[in-house]
Each structure stands twice: as C-alpha cells, then as structure tokens.
Amino acid sequence: MESATFFYFLAASILLTLAPGPDILYLITKSLASGAKSGIILAAGLVSGIIFHTFLVMAGVAAIIQNSPSAMAALKIFGAAYLLFLAFKSFQAAKRGEKISMQKSDDENSFKAIYKRGVLMNVLNPKVLLFFLAFLPQFVNLSSESSSLQIILLGVTFAIQAFIIFSLIAVGAGKVRKILLQKKNLGRILNFVESAVLAIIAVTLLLF
C-alpha cells in the first residue's frame, strides 16, 4: 500500500469519526452520566466492534450478510431489541431517582458491562458492517496477494484513531460533568437522556 493512500484513508477516517452520529452521541451521554473512565471503556468496546467487522469484511462474511435480506433483518431486530433493553434499564434507573456523584467507581463488573455494551452496540449494528464493507476496499488493491492484510491494517488503523478521538471526547464530557454535578436531580435527568438516546438509535436502526 502506498503511503499517500494510507494518509488519505487516515484523514477520511478522522473526519468520519468526528461526524455526528449515534456512537459519539451515546458516548457523550454516557460520559456525562458516569464519568470519563466509563466513556473511555465504552469507547474501547465500540472500537472492538470495529475490529470484529473488519475481520468479517476480510473473510467475505460481510458480503454474504449484505446479500441476505433475512440476515440483515435479523441483525437489525437483535440490535434494536438490545438497544431498547438498555433504554428501558436507564429509564428504570431514572424513575428510581438514582443519583450520581463525584466519587470514582472502580466496580470491575460495571466496567465489564460497559465494555460489553460498546461491543454489542457495534457488532449488532448492520449499518456499521455495511459501512466498512463499502469503505475499506476503496483503499485496497483487491488484486494484490496482500489484500487481506491491507484490510486488517486499515481496520486496525480506523479503530486506533477512533479510540483516541472517542477517549478525548469522553475526557471532555467528564470535565463538563463536574460542572453539571452542582445541579440538583442531574442523575435522573441524565438517565432519562441516556434512555431517550438509546431508544432513538434503536428506532433509527430499524427504520433506516
């Protein structure tokens, strides 16, 4: 792969990552609600999903799924159902009036759950799969014997730059959170917002 092609890909990846979308929207919401560390862990889960989709593209599985309406529909349904489940949990937390505090949580199980959430949000989203199926091959010489390695390289590169950008966004949202914590009933409000964001992403996944 030529260096110029790689840098074109990197520039395009950064611009696409910064574009407003469900990942960034939910990342900001989660970082505001639970802090920068939770946001960074969520980011790690999201980019792990990117690596998963990259291997599907490399192995040709992505093309098979794209050409199978039933497989696409199943992914959409499972993905939307999972997001609606998360939205319901956040809504329940809001109704219970759960509070958030400045104290950092080191609950390993909680962080594992956040990471898993990020992974599943991407893995169960067929739109992410279709995006990488269309995006990655544009920068790869498909007639080359190393085309598979090139796809992996590009997918990993996309994941790394996305993790860096997402982490910076999480840290920024975490700083804003410290200011917002002075407001009363913030915990309930952010839980309601998180629930609404997840529900909107789920509906968008089903309809578009």
C-alpha atoms as a PDB file:
ATOM      1  CA  MET A   1       0.000   0.000   0.000  1.00  0.00           C
ATOM      2  CA  GLU A   2       1.329   3.424  -0.944  1.00  0.00           C
ATOM      3  CA  SER A   3       1.912   5.887   1.896  1.00  0.00           C
ATOM      4  CA  ALA A   4      -0.252   8.508   0.174  1.00  0.00           C
ATOM      5  CA  THR A   5      -3.187   6.086   0.065  1.00  0.00           C
ATOM      6  CA  PHE A   6      -2.748   5.324   3.746  1.00  0.00           C
ATOM      7  CA  PHE A   7      -2.734   9.007   4.717  1.00  0.00           C
ATOM      8  CA  TYR A   8      -5.813   9.668   2.582  1.00  0.00           C
ATOM      9  CA  PHE A   9      -7.501   6.828   4.424  1.00  0.00           C
ATOM     10  CA  LEU A  10      -6.413   8.181   7.818  1.00  0.00           C
ATOM     11  CA  ALA A  11      -7.686  11.676   7.007  1.00  0.00           C
ATOM     12  CA  ALA A  12     -11.021  10.311   5.808  1.00  0.00           C
ATOM     13  CA  SER A  13     -11.289   8.108   8.904  1.00  0.00           C
ATOM     14  CA  ILE A  14     -10.730  11.028  11.261  1.00  0.00           C
ATOM     15  CA  LEU A  15     -13.361  13.141   9.510  1.00  0.00           C
ATOM     16  CA  LEU A  16     -15.859  10.270   9.543  1.00  0.00           C
ATOM     17  CA  THR A  17     -15.209   9.595  13.232  1.00  0.00           C
ATOM     18  CA  LEU A  18     -15.762  13.255  14.111  1.00  0.00           C
ATOM     19  CA  ALA A  19     -19.012  13.401  12.132  1.00  0.00           C
ATOM     20  CA  PRO A  20     -22.083  13.484  14.406  1.00  0.00           C
ATOM     21  CA  GLY A  21     -23.505  10.001  14.774  1.00  0.00           C
ATOM     22  CA  PRO A  22     -25.048   7.577  17.272  1.00  0.00           C
ATOM     23  CA  ASP A  23     -21.687   6.406  18.648  1.00  0.00           C
ATOM     24  CA  ILE A  24     -20.495   9.898  19.578  1.00  0.00           C
ATOM     25  CA  LEU A  25     -23.944  10.905  20.811  1.00  0.00           C
ATOM     26  CA  TYR A  26     -24.179   7.954  23.168  1.00  0.00           C
ATOM     27  CA  LEU A  27     -20.517   8.279  24.182  1.00  0.00           C
ATOM     28  CA  ILE A  28     -21.077  11.884  25.281  1.00  0.00           C
ATOM     29  CA  THR A  29     -24.256  10.954  27.124  1.00  0.00           C
ATOM     30  CA  LYS A  30     -22.586   8.049  28.934  1.00  0.00           C
ATOM     31  CA  SER A  31     -19.531  10.136  29.851  1.00  0.00           C
ATOM     32  CA  LEU A  32     -21.747  12.870  31.265  1.00  0.00           C
ATOM     33  CA  ALA A  33     -23.758  10.342  33.252  1.00  0.00           C
ATOM     34  CA  SER A  34     -20.968   8.062  34.500  1.00  0.00           C
ATOM     35  CA  GLY A  35     -17.693   9.934  34.040  1.00  0.00           C
ATOM     36  CA  ALA A  36     -14.730   9.944  31.672  1.00  0.00           C
ATOM     37  CA  LYS A  37     -13.454   6.489  32.670  1.00  0.00           C
ATOM     38  CA  SER A  38     -16.777   4.875  31.782  1.00  0.00           C
ATOM     39  CA  GLY A  39     -16.732   6.772  28.481  1.00  0.00           C
ATOM     40  CA  ILE A  40     -13.245   5.538  27.647  1.00  0.00           C
ATOM     41  CA  ILE A  41     -14.241   1.947  28.456  1.00  0.00           C
ATOM     42  CA  LEU A  42     -17.316   2.345  26.266  1.00  0.00           C
ATOM     43  CA  ALA A  43     -15.040   3.653  23.501  1.00  0.00           C
ATOM     44  CA  ALA A  44     -12.854   0.554  23.855  1.00  0.00           C
ATOM     45  CA  GLY A  45     -15.930  -1.605  23.392  1.00  0.00           C
ATOM     46  CA  LEU A  46     -17.075   0.344  20.346  1.00  0.00           C
ATOM     47  CA  VAL A  47     -13.695   0.051  18.593  1.00  0.00           C
ATOM     48  CA  SER A  48     -13.530  -3.656  19.439  1.00  0.00           C
ATOM     49  CA  GLY A  49     -16.698  -3.938  17.383  1.00  0.00           C
ATOM     50  CA  ILE A  50     -14.853  -2.197  14.541  1.00  0.00           C
ATOM     51  CA  ILE A  51     -12.130  -4.866  14.634  1.00  0.00           C
ATOM     52  CA  PHE A  52     -14.831  -7.548  14.531  1.00  0.00           C
ATOM     53  CA  HIS A  53     -16.430  -6.003  11.435  1.00  0.00           C
ATOM     54  CA  THR A  54     -13.013  -5.647   9.800  1.00  0.00           C
ATOM     55  CA  PHE A  55     -12.430  -9.396  10.069  1.00  0.00           C
ATOM     56  CA  LEU A  56     -15.903 -10.043   8.639  1.00  0.00           C
ATOM     57  CA  VAL A  57     -15.042  -7.874   5.643  1.00  0.00           C
ATOM     58  CA  MET A  58     -11.677  -9.612   5.207  1.00  0.00           C
ATOM     59  CA  ALA A  59     -13.243 -13.069   5.398  1.00  0.00           C
ATOM     60  CA  GLY A  60     -16.007 -12.207   2.942  1.00  0.00           C
ATOM     61  CA  VAL A  61     -18.723 -12.780   5.539  1.00  0.00           C
ATOM     62  CA  ALA A  62     -19.835  -9.156   5.292  1.00  0.00           C
ATOM     63  CA  ALA A  63     -20.669  -9.550   1.599  1.00  0.00           C
ATOM     64  CA  ILE A  64     -22.674 -12.700   2.329  1.00  0.00           C
ATOM     65  CA  ILE A  65     -24.682 -10.918   5.033  1.00  0.00           C
ATOM     66  CA  GLN A  66     -25.246  -7.941   2.751  1.00  0.00           C
ATOM     67  CA  ASN A  67     -26.767 -10.217   0.117  1.00  0.00           C
ATOM     68  CA  SER A  68     -29.001 -11.985   2.634  1.00  0.00           C
ATOM     69  CA  PRO A  69     -32.120  -9.946   3.458  1.00  0.00           C
ATOM     70  CA  SER A  70     -33.036 -12.327   6.278  1.00  0.00           C
ATOM     71  CA  ALA A  71     -29.609 -11.999   7.894  1.00  0.00           C
ATOM     72  CA  MET A  72     -29.738  -8.208   7.623  1.00  0.00           C
ATOM     73  CA  ALA A  73     -33.231  -8.127   9.108  1.00  0.00           C
ATOM     74  CA  ALA A  74     -32.212 -10.419  11.966  1.00  0.00           C
ATOM     75  CA  LEU A  75     -29.215  -8.219  12.811  1.00  0.00           C
ATOM     76  CA  LYS A  76     -31.400  -5.125  12.782  1.00  0.00           C
ATOM     77  CA  ILE A  77     -34.002  -6.713  15.049  1.00  0.00           C
ATOM     78  CA  PHE A  78     -31.468  -8.077  17.539  1.00  0.00           C
ATOM     79  CA  GLY A  79     -29.566  -4.798  17.561  1.00  0.00           C
ATOM     80  CA  ALA A  80     -32.669  -2.672  18.073  1.00  0.00           C
ATOM     81  CA  ALA A  81     -34.003  -5.031  20.756  1.00  0.00           C
ATOM     82  CA  TYR A  82     -30.728  -4.811  22.667  1.00  0.00           C
ATOM     83  CA  LEU A  83     -30.706  -1.020  22.490  1.00  0.00           C
ATOM     84  CA  LEU A  84     -34.326  -0.833  23.646  1.00  0.00           C
ATOM     85  CA  PHE A  85     -33.452  -3.124  26.561  1.00  0.00           C
ATOM     86  CA  LEU A  86     -30.655  -0.754  27.575  1.00  0.00           C
ATOM     87  CA  ALA A  87     -33.019   2.208  27.171  1.00  0.00           C
ATOM     88  CA  PHE A  88     -35.551   0.532  29.457  1.00  0.00           C
ATOM     89  CA  LYS A  89     -32.882  -0.077  32.114  1.00  0.00           C
ATOM     90  CA  SER A  90     -31.818   3.579  32.006  1.00  0.00           C
ATOM     91  CA  PHE A  91     -35.453   4.654  32.202  1.00  0.00           C
ATOM     92  CA  GLN A  92     -35.982   2.465  35.275  1.00  0.00           C
ATOM     93  CA  ALA A  93     -32.893   3.981  36.897  1.00  0.00           C
ATOM     94  CA  ALA A  94     -34.272   7.448  36.205  1.00  0.00           C
ATOM     95  CA  LYS A  95     -37.637   6.563  37.740  1.00  0.00           C
ATOM     96  CA  ARG A  96     -35.874   5.259  40.849  1.00  0.00           C
ATOM     97  CA  GLY A  97     -34.143   8.599  41.085  1.00  0.00           C
ATOM     98  CA  GLU A  98     -30.628   7.143  41.139  1.00  0.00           C
ATOM     99  CA  LYS A  99     -28.006   9.757  41.866  1.00  0.00           C
ATOM    100  CA  ILE A 100     -24.532  10.237  40.502  1.00  0.00           C
ATOM    101  CA  SER A 101     -21.589  11.519  42.487  1.00  0.00           C
ATOM    102  CA  MET A 102     -18.046  12.765  42.067  1.00  0.00           C
ATOM    103  CA  GLN A 103     -16.659   9.592  43.557  1.00  0.00           C
ATOM    104  CA  LYS A 104     -14.912   7.375  41.038  1.00  0.00           C
ATOM    105  CA  SER A 105     -16.331   3.903  40.683  1.00  0.00           C
ATOM    106  CA  ASP A 106     -13.903   1.011  40.491  1.00  0.00           C
ATOM    107  CA  ASP A 107     -16.604  -1.596  40.116  1.00  0.00           C
ATOM    108  CA  GLU A 108     -14.932  -4.105  37.795  1.00  0.00           C
ATOM    109  CA  ASN A 109     -18.252  -5.741  36.936  1.00  0.00           C
ATOM    110  CA  SER A 110     -19.712  -2.362  35.999  1.00  0.00           C
ATOM    111  CA  PHE A 111     -16.806  -1.576  33.686  1.00  0.00           C
ATOM    112  CA  LYS A 112     -17.050  -5.027  32.093  1.00  0.00           C
ATOM    113  CA  ALA A 113     -20.751  -4.382  31.455  1.00  0.00           C
ATOM    114  CA  ILE A 114     -19.984  -1.012  29.826  1.00  0.00           C
ATOM    115  CA  TYR A 115     -17.300  -2.574  27.602  1.00  0.00           C
ATOM    116  CA  LYS A 116     -19.658  -5.379  26.605  1.00  0.00           C
ATOM    117  CA  ARG A 117     -22.335  -2.807  25.830  1.00  0.00           C
ATOM    118  CA  GLY A 118     -19.997  -0.974  23.460  1.00  0.00           C
ATOM    119  CA  VAL A 119     -19.004  -4.182  21.685  1.00  0.00           C
ATOM    120  CA  LEU A 120     -22.584  -5.363  21.201  1.00  0.00           C
ATOM    121  CA  MET A 121     -23.805  -1.939  20.064  1.00  0.00           C
ATOM    122  CA  ASN A 122     -21.404  -2.143  17.124  1.00  0.00           C
ATOM    123  CA  VAL A 123     -21.458  -5.886  16.444  1.00  0.00           C
ATOM    124  CA  LEU A 124     -25.271  -5.951  16.270  1.00  0.00           C
ATOM    125  CA  ASN A 125     -25.458  -2.895  14.011  1.00  0.00           C
ATOM    126  CA  PRO A 126     -25.544  -3.968  10.346  1.00  0.00           C
ATOM    127  CA  LYS A 127     -25.059  -0.349   9.255  1.00  0.00           C
ATOM    128  CA  VAL A 128     -21.549  -0.393  10.700  1.00  0.00           C
ATOM    129  CA  LEU A 129     -20.831  -3.633   8.856  1.00  0.00           C
ATOM    130  CA  LEU A 130     -22.108  -2.240   5.550  1.00  0.00           C
ATOM    131  CA  PHE A 131     -20.104   0.933   6.053  1.00  0.00           C
ATOM    132  CA  PHE A 132     -16.823  -0.947   6.415  1.00  0.00           C
ATOM    133  CA  LEU A 133     -17.743  -3.259   3.553  1.00  0.00           C
ATOM    134  CA  ALA A 134     -18.060  -0.185   1.319  1.00  0.00           C
ATOM    135  CA  PHE A 135     -15.309   1.947   2.853  1.00  0.00           C
ATOM    136  CA  LEU A 136     -12.269  -0.293   3.369  1.00  0.00           C
ATOM    137  CA  PRO A 137     -11.992  -1.829  -0.142  1.00  0.00           C
ATOM    138  CA  GLN A 138     -11.740   1.656  -1.691  1.00  0.00           C
ATOM    139  CA  PHE A 139      -8.217   1.948  -0.278  1.00  0.00           C
ATOM    140  CA  VAL A 140      -7.107  -1.619  -1.005  1.00  0.00           C
ATOM    141  CA  ASN A 141      -5.668  -3.211  -4.130  1.00  0.00           C
ATOM    142  CA  LEU A 142      -8.051  -6.180  -4.227  1.00  0.00           C
ATOM    143  CA  SER A 143      -5.940  -7.926  -6.885  1.00  0.00           C
ATOM    144  CA  SER A 144      -2.925  -7.964  -4.582  1.00  0.00           C
ATOM    145  CA  GLU A 145      -1.999 -11.118  -2.669  1.00  0.00           C
ATOM    146  CA  SER A 146      -1.766  -8.989   0.477  1.00  0.00           C
ATOM    147  CA  SER A 147      -5.268  -7.513   0.134  1.00  0.00           C
ATOM    148  CA  SER A 148      -6.467  -9.270   3.283  1.00  0.00           C
ATOM    149  CA  LEU A 149      -3.565  -7.883   5.306  1.00  0.00           C
ATOM    150  CA  GLN A 150      -4.245  -4.423   3.889  1.00  0.00           C
ATOM    151  CA  ILE A 151      -7.875  -4.626   5.037  1.00  0.00           C
ATOM    152  CA  ILE A 152      -6.764  -5.640   8.531  1.00  0.00           C
ATOM    153  CA  LEU A 153      -4.223  -2.796   8.636  1.00  0.00           C
ATOM    154  CA  LEU A 154      -6.836  -0.249   7.626  1.00  0.00           C
ATOM    155  CA  GLY A 155      -9.422  -1.615  10.041  1.00  0.00           C
ATOM    156  CA  VAL A 156      -6.982  -1.525  12.954  1.00  0.00           C
ATOM    157  CA  THR A 157      -5.888   1.989  11.966  1.00  0.00           C
ATOM    158  CA  PHE A 158      -9.501   3.149  11.904  1.00  0.00           C
ATOM    159  CA  ALA A 159     -10.090   1.581  15.324  1.00  0.00           C
ATOM    160  CA  ILE A 160      -6.999   3.196  16.871  1.00  0.00           C
ATOM    161  CA  GLN A 161      -7.769   6.711  15.667  1.00  0.00           C
ATOM    162  CA  ALA A 162     -11.424   6.270  16.677  1.00  0.00           C
ATOM    163  CA  PHE A 163     -10.397   5.178  20.172  1.00  0.00           C
ATOM    164  CA  ILE A 164      -8.134   8.220  20.559  1.00  0.00           C
ATOM    165  CA  ILE A 165     -10.843  10.625  19.401  1.00  0.00           C
ATOM    166  CA  PHE A 166     -13.564   8.930  21.442  1.00  0.00           C
ATOM    167  CA  SER A 167     -11.350   8.978  24.549  1.00  0.00           C
ATOM    168  CA  LEU A 168     -10.670  12.697  24.145  1.00  0.00           C
ATOM    169  CA  ILE A 169     -14.396  13.318  23.801  1.00  0.00           C
ATOM    170  CA  ALA A 170     -15.050  11.226  26.914  1.00  0.00           C
ATOM    171  CA  VAL A 171     -12.472  13.208  28.903  1.00  0.00           C
ATOM    172  CA  GLY A 172     -14.014  16.477  27.729  1.00  0.00           C
ATOM    173  CA  ALA A 173     -17.515  15.325  28.650  1.00  0.00           C
ATOM    174  CA  GLY A 174     -16.174  14.171  32.008  1.00  0.00           C
ATOM    175  CA  LYS A 175     -14.915  17.695  32.734  1.00  0.00           C
ATOM    176  CA  VAL A 176     -18.296  19.153  31.815  1.00  0.00           C
ATOM    177  CA  ARG A 177     -19.885  16.598  34.136  1.00  0.00           C
ATOM    178  CA  LYS A 178     -18.001  18.054  37.101  1.00  0.00           C
ATOM    179  CA  ILE A 179     -19.686  21.392  36.447  1.00  0.00           C
ATOM    180  CA  LEU A 180     -23.111  19.870  35.921  1.00  0.00           C
ATOM    181  CA  LEU A 181     -22.913  17.877  39.138  1.00  0.00           C
ATOM    182  CA  GLN A 182     -23.692  21.073  41.001  1.00  0.00           C
ATOM    183  CA  LYS A 183     -27.218  20.918  39.604  1.00  0.00           C
ATOM    184  CA  LYS A 184     -29.959  19.122  41.517  1.00  0.00           C
ATOM    185  CA  ASN A 185     -31.589  15.969  40.143  1.00  0.00           C
ATOM    186  CA  LEU A 186     -28.886  15.669  37.498  1.00  0.00           C
ATOM    187  CA  GLY A 187     -28.709  11.898  37.899  1.00  0.00           C
ATOM    188  CA  ARG A 188     -32.350  11.429  36.971  1.00  0.00           C
ATOM    189  CA  ILE A 189     -32.098  13.856  34.068  1.00  0.00           C
ATOM    190  CA  LEU A 190     -29.033  12.155  32.580  1.00  0.00           C
ATOM    191  CA  ASN A 191     -30.603   8.717  32.971  1.00  0.00           C
ATOM    192  CA  PHE A 192     -33.685   9.953  31.114  1.00  0.00           C
ATOM    193  CA  VAL A 193     -31.448  11.435  28.410  1.00  0.00           C
ATOM    194  CA  GLU A 194     -29.468   8.190  28.109  1.00  0.00           C
ATOM    195  CA  SER A 195     -32.711   6.240  27.799  1.00  0.00           C
ATOM    196  CA  ALA A 196     -34.006   8.590  25.103  1.00  0.00           C
ATOM    197  CA  VAL A 197     -30.733   8.467  23.134  1.00  0.00           C
ATOM    198  CA  LEU A 198     -30.673   4.661  23.140  1.00  0.00           C
ATOM    199  CA  ALA A 199     -34.323   4.494  22.072  1.00  0.00           C
ATOM    200  CA  ILE A 200     -33.709   6.933  19.210  1.00  0.00           C
ATOM    201  CA  ILE A 201     -30.712   4.926  17.999  1.00  0.00           C
ATOM    202  CA  ALA A 202     -32.819   1.736  18.130  1.00  0.00           C
ATOM    203  CA  VAL A 203     -35.651   3.264  16.096  1.00  0.00           C
ATOM    204  CA  THR A 204     -33.171   4.703  13.596  1.00  0.00           C
ATOM    205  CA  LEU A 205     -31.579   1.276  13.211  1.00  0.00           C
ATOM    206  CA  LEU A 206     -34.942  -0.282  12.377  1.00  0.00           C
ATOM    207  CA  LEU A 207     -36.274   2.396  10.054  1.00  0.00           C
ATOM    208  CA  PHE A 208     -33.208   3.374   8.020  1.00  0.00           C
END
